[in-house]
Amino acid sequence: MFANKLRITLADGNREHPVVKSWLDQFFMRNFTGPGGFDDTLVLADGELEAGHTVSRQEVEARLETWLRGRRCIPLTARVIVR
């Protein structure tokens, strides 16, 4: 079920660091109880996520970045990168 191992980082300028595990937990649990798009995910650690084949890397980037900005966790210049 969790065939993809994803690395999720925040890039701001020349710096890049893993997204905090608690942020990932909140985001993916919220989506687990709401929209079904991210049901097949398991947060392992800061910046580490296992996901099923139905989870889109691009959708994770876009939605997580929007969610973090809406909660003012990241500046407008930061980008979420999923590898």
N, C-alpha and C. Protein backbone atom coordinates (compact mmCIF):
# COMPACT_ATOMS: atom_id res chain seq x y z
N MET A 1 0.83 -1.19 0.00
CA MET A 1 0.00 0.00 0.00
C MET A 1 0.87 1.26 0.00
N PHE A 2 1.93 1.32 0.81
CA PHE A 2 2.77 2.51 0.87
C PHE A 2 4.03 2.28 0.04
N ALA A 3 3.87 2.30 -1.27
CA ALA A 3 4.95 1.96 -2.19
C ALA A 3 5.92 3.11 -2.43
N ASN A 4 5.49 4.35 -2.23
CA ASN A 4 6.33 5.51 -2.52
C ASN A 4 6.88 6.11 -1.23
N LYS A 5 8.15 6.38 -1.23
CA LYS A 5 8.78 7.06 -0.10
C LYS A 5 9.07 8.48 -0.56
N LEU A 6 8.42 9.44 0.07
CA LEU A 6 8.54 10.84 -0.33
C LEU A 6 9.34 11.62 0.70
N ARG A 7 10.12 12.55 0.21
CA ARG A 7 10.88 13.48 1.05
C ARG A 7 10.25 14.84 0.82
N ILE A 8 9.81 15.48 1.91
CA ILE A 8 9.11 16.77 1.81
C ILE A 8 9.93 17.83 2.53
N THR A 9 10.36 18.84 1.77
CA THR A 9 11.20 19.89 2.33
C THR A 9 10.60 21.26 2.05
N LEU A 10 11.08 22.24 2.83
CA LEU A 10 10.75 23.65 2.60
C LEU A 10 11.99 24.33 2.07
N ALA A 11 11.84 25.04 0.98
CA ALA A 11 12.95 25.79 0.39
C ALA A 11 12.63 27.27 0.50
N ASP A 12 13.60 28.02 1.03
CA ASP A 12 13.45 29.47 1.13
C ASP A 12 14.82 30.08 0.86
N GLY A 13 14.94 30.69 -0.29
CA GLY A 13 16.25 31.20 -0.69
C GLY A 13 17.18 30.04 -0.98
N ASN A 14 18.37 30.07 -0.40
CA ASN A 14 19.36 29.01 -0.60
C ASN A 14 19.24 27.90 0.44
N ARG A 15 18.29 28.01 1.35
CA ARG A 15 18.15 27.02 2.43
C ARG A 15 17.01 26.06 2.13
N GLU A 16 17.21 24.81 2.52
CA GLU A 16 16.18 23.80 2.38
C GLU A 16 16.26 22.90 3.61
N HIS A 17 15.08 22.65 4.22
CA HIS A 17 15.05 21.79 5.40
C HIS A 17 13.76 20.98 5.41
N PRO A 18 13.77 19.83 6.12
CA PRO A 18 12.59 18.97 6.15
C PRO A 18 11.40 19.67 6.81
N VAL A 19 10.20 19.36 6.32
CA VAL A 19 8.98 19.88 6.95
C VAL A 19 8.82 19.16 8.29
N VAL A 20 8.47 19.91 9.30
CA VAL A 20 8.32 19.39 10.66
C VAL A 20 7.25 18.29 10.70
N LYS A 21 7.55 17.20 11.39
CA LYS A 21 6.65 16.05 11.47
C LYS A 21 5.27 16.45 12.00
N SER A 22 5.21 17.29 13.01
CA SER A 22 3.89 17.68 13.57
C SER A 22 3.03 18.39 12.53
N TRP A 23 3.64 19.18 11.65
CA TRP A 23 2.88 19.84 10.57
C TRP A 23 2.35 18.80 9.60
N LEU A 24 3.21 17.84 9.24
CA LEU A 24 2.77 16.78 8.33
C LEU A 24 1.66 15.95 8.95
N ASP A 25 1.82 15.61 10.23
CA ASP A 25 0.77 14.84 10.93
C ASP A 25 -0.56 15.58 10.88
N GLN A 26 -0.55 16.86 11.21
CA GLN A 26 -1.79 17.65 11.21
C GLN A 26 -2.40 17.72 9.82
N PHE A 27 -1.59 17.98 8.82
CA PHE A 27 -2.09 18.12 7.46
C PHE A 27 -2.69 16.81 6.95
N PHE A 28 -1.95 15.72 7.07
CA PHE A 28 -2.44 14.47 6.50
C PHE A 28 -3.56 13.85 7.32
N MET A 29 -3.59 14.05 8.63
CA MET A 29 -4.72 13.55 9.43
C MET A 29 -5.98 14.36 9.12
N ARG A 30 -5.82 15.65 8.92
CA ARG A 30 -6.96 16.50 8.55
C ARG A 30 -7.53 16.03 7.22
N ASN A 31 -6.65 15.72 6.29
CA ASN A 31 -7.11 15.24 4.99
C ASN A 31 -7.63 13.81 5.06
N PHE A 32 -7.14 13.05 6.03
CA PHE A 32 -7.64 11.69 6.21
C PHE A 32 -9.10 11.72 6.65
N THR A 33 -9.45 12.68 7.50
CA THR A 33 -10.81 12.76 8.00
C THR A 33 -11.73 13.56 7.09
N GLY A 34 -11.16 14.24 6.11
CA GLY A 34 -11.95 15.04 5.18
C GLY A 34 -11.86 14.46 3.79
N PRO A 35 -11.22 15.18 2.85
CA PRO A 35 -11.08 14.67 1.49
C PRO A 35 -10.31 13.35 1.47
N GLY A 36 -10.67 12.45 0.58
CA GLY A 36 -10.05 11.14 0.53
C GLY A 36 -8.76 11.06 -0.25
N GLY A 37 -8.29 12.15 -0.81
CA GLY A 37 -7.12 12.11 -1.67
C GLY A 37 -5.84 11.65 -1.01
N PHE A 38 -5.71 11.87 0.29
CA PHE A 38 -4.46 11.53 0.97
C PHE A 38 -4.65 10.41 1.99
N ASP A 39 -5.64 9.58 1.81
CA ASP A 39 -5.88 8.48 2.74
C ASP A 39 -4.71 7.51 2.81
N ASP A 40 -4.02 7.31 1.71
CA ASP A 40 -2.94 6.33 1.65
C ASP A 40 -1.59 6.97 1.98
N THR A 41 -1.48 7.55 3.18
CA THR A 41 -0.22 8.18 3.58
C THR A 41 0.13 7.78 5.00
N LEU A 42 1.42 7.79 5.29
CA LEU A 42 1.93 7.51 6.63
C LEU A 42 3.13 8.41 6.86
N VAL A 43 3.01 9.33 7.83
CA VAL A 43 4.11 10.22 8.18
C VAL A 43 5.08 9.44 9.07
N LEU A 44 6.36 9.46 8.72
CA LEU A 44 7.37 8.71 9.48
C LEU A 44 8.21 9.59 10.39
N ALA A 45 8.64 10.75 9.88
CA ALA A 45 9.53 11.64 10.62
C ALA A 45 9.51 13.00 9.93
N ASP A 46 10.33 13.93 10.44
CA ASP A 46 10.43 15.23 9.78
C ASP A 46 10.76 15.01 8.31
N GLY A 47 9.90 15.50 7.43
CA GLY A 47 10.14 15.45 6.00
C GLY A 47 10.01 14.09 5.35
N GLU A 48 9.56 13.07 6.08
CA GLU A 48 9.48 11.72 5.51
C GLU A 48 8.04 11.22 5.52
N LEU A 49 7.61 10.76 4.35
CA LEU A 49 6.24 10.29 4.17
C LEU A 49 6.24 9.06 3.26
N GLU A 50 5.47 8.07 3.63
CA GLU A 50 5.22 6.95 2.74
C GLU A 50 3.82 7.12 2.19
N ALA A 51 3.63 6.82 0.92
CA ALA A 51 2.34 7.05 0.28
C ALA A 51 2.04 5.97 -0.74
N GLY A 52 0.75 5.77 -0.98
CA GLY A 52 0.30 4.84 -2.00
C GLY A 52 0.44 5.45 -3.39
N HIS A 53 0.17 4.62 -4.40
CA HIS A 53 0.31 5.07 -5.79
C HIS A 53 -0.69 6.16 -6.17
N THR A 54 -1.80 6.29 -5.45
CA THR A 54 -2.81 7.27 -5.81
C THR A 54 -2.48 8.68 -5.32
N VAL A 55 -1.44 8.81 -4.50
CA VAL A 55 -1.07 10.12 -3.95
C VAL A 55 -0.15 10.82 -4.95
N SER A 56 -0.57 12.00 -5.38
CA SER A 56 0.17 12.78 -6.37
C SER A 56 1.17 13.71 -5.68
N ARG A 57 2.44 13.61 -6.10
CA ARG A 57 3.49 14.47 -5.56
C ARG A 57 3.16 15.96 -5.78
N GLN A 58 2.66 16.28 -6.97
CA GLN A 58 2.32 17.66 -7.29
C GLN A 58 1.17 18.17 -6.42
N GLU A 59 0.18 17.31 -6.17
CA GLU A 59 -0.94 17.72 -5.34
C GLU A 59 -0.51 17.92 -3.90
N VAL A 60 0.39 17.07 -3.40
CA VAL A 60 0.91 17.24 -2.04
C VAL A 60 1.62 18.58 -1.95
N GLU A 61 2.48 18.88 -2.91
CA GLU A 61 3.21 20.16 -2.91
C GLU A 61 2.25 21.34 -2.85
N ALA A 62 1.31 21.36 -3.75
CA ALA A 62 0.39 22.51 -3.86
C ALA A 62 -0.50 22.65 -2.62
N ARG A 63 -1.12 21.56 -2.20
CA ARG A 63 -2.05 21.64 -1.07
C ARG A 63 -1.34 21.91 0.25
N LEU A 64 -0.19 21.26 0.48
CA LEU A 64 0.53 21.47 1.73
C LEU A 64 1.05 22.89 1.81
N GLU A 65 1.58 23.42 0.71
CA GLU A 65 2.08 24.79 0.69
C GLU A 65 0.95 25.78 0.99
N THR A 66 -0.20 25.60 0.37
CA THR A 66 -1.36 26.46 0.63
C THR A 66 -1.80 26.36 2.09
N TRP A 67 -1.84 25.16 2.62
CA TRP A 67 -2.27 24.92 4.00
C TRP A 67 -1.30 25.58 4.99
N LEU A 68 0.01 25.43 4.76
CA LEU A 68 0.99 26.04 5.66
C LEU A 68 0.96 27.56 5.60
N ARG A 69 0.77 28.11 4.40
CA ARG A 69 0.67 29.57 4.28
C ARG A 69 -0.60 30.10 4.95
N GLY A 70 -1.69 29.38 4.81
CA GLY A 70 -2.94 29.80 5.43
C GLY A 70 -2.86 29.83 6.95
N ARG A 71 -1.99 29.03 7.52
CA ARG A 71 -1.80 29.01 8.97
C ARG A 71 -0.60 29.85 9.39
N ARG A 72 -0.01 30.54 8.42
CA ARG A 72 1.13 31.42 8.64
C ARG A 72 2.33 30.69 9.26
N CYS A 73 2.52 29.45 8.85
CA CYS A 73 3.66 28.65 9.31
C CYS A 73 4.91 28.92 8.49
N ILE A 74 4.71 29.37 7.23
CA ILE A 74 5.84 29.62 6.34
C ILE A 74 5.66 30.98 5.69
N PRO A 75 6.77 31.63 5.32
CA PRO A 75 6.67 32.92 4.63
C PRO A 75 6.23 32.74 3.18
N LEU A 76 5.82 33.82 2.57
CA LEU A 76 5.35 33.78 1.18
C LEU A 76 6.46 33.36 0.21
N THR A 77 7.70 33.53 0.60
CA THR A 77 8.81 33.19 -0.28
C THR A 77 9.18 31.71 -0.24
N ALA A 78 8.67 30.98 0.74
CA ALA A 78 9.02 29.56 0.89
C ALA A 78 8.21 28.70 -0.07
N ARG A 79 8.82 27.59 -0.49
CA ARG A 79 8.15 26.63 -1.37
C ARG A 79 8.26 25.24 -0.75
N VAL A 80 7.23 24.44 -0.93
CA VAL A 80 7.26 23.04 -0.52
C VAL A 80 7.76 22.23 -1.71
N ILE A 81 8.73 21.36 -1.46
CA ILE A 81 9.27 20.50 -2.50
C ILE A 81 9.10 19.05 -2.07
N VAL A 82 8.53 18.24 -2.96
CA VAL A 82 8.33 16.82 -2.69
C VAL A 82 9.17 16.04 -3.69
N ARG A 83 10.01 15.15 -3.19
CA ARG A 83 10.86 14.30 -4.03
C ARG A 83 10.58 12.86 -3.74
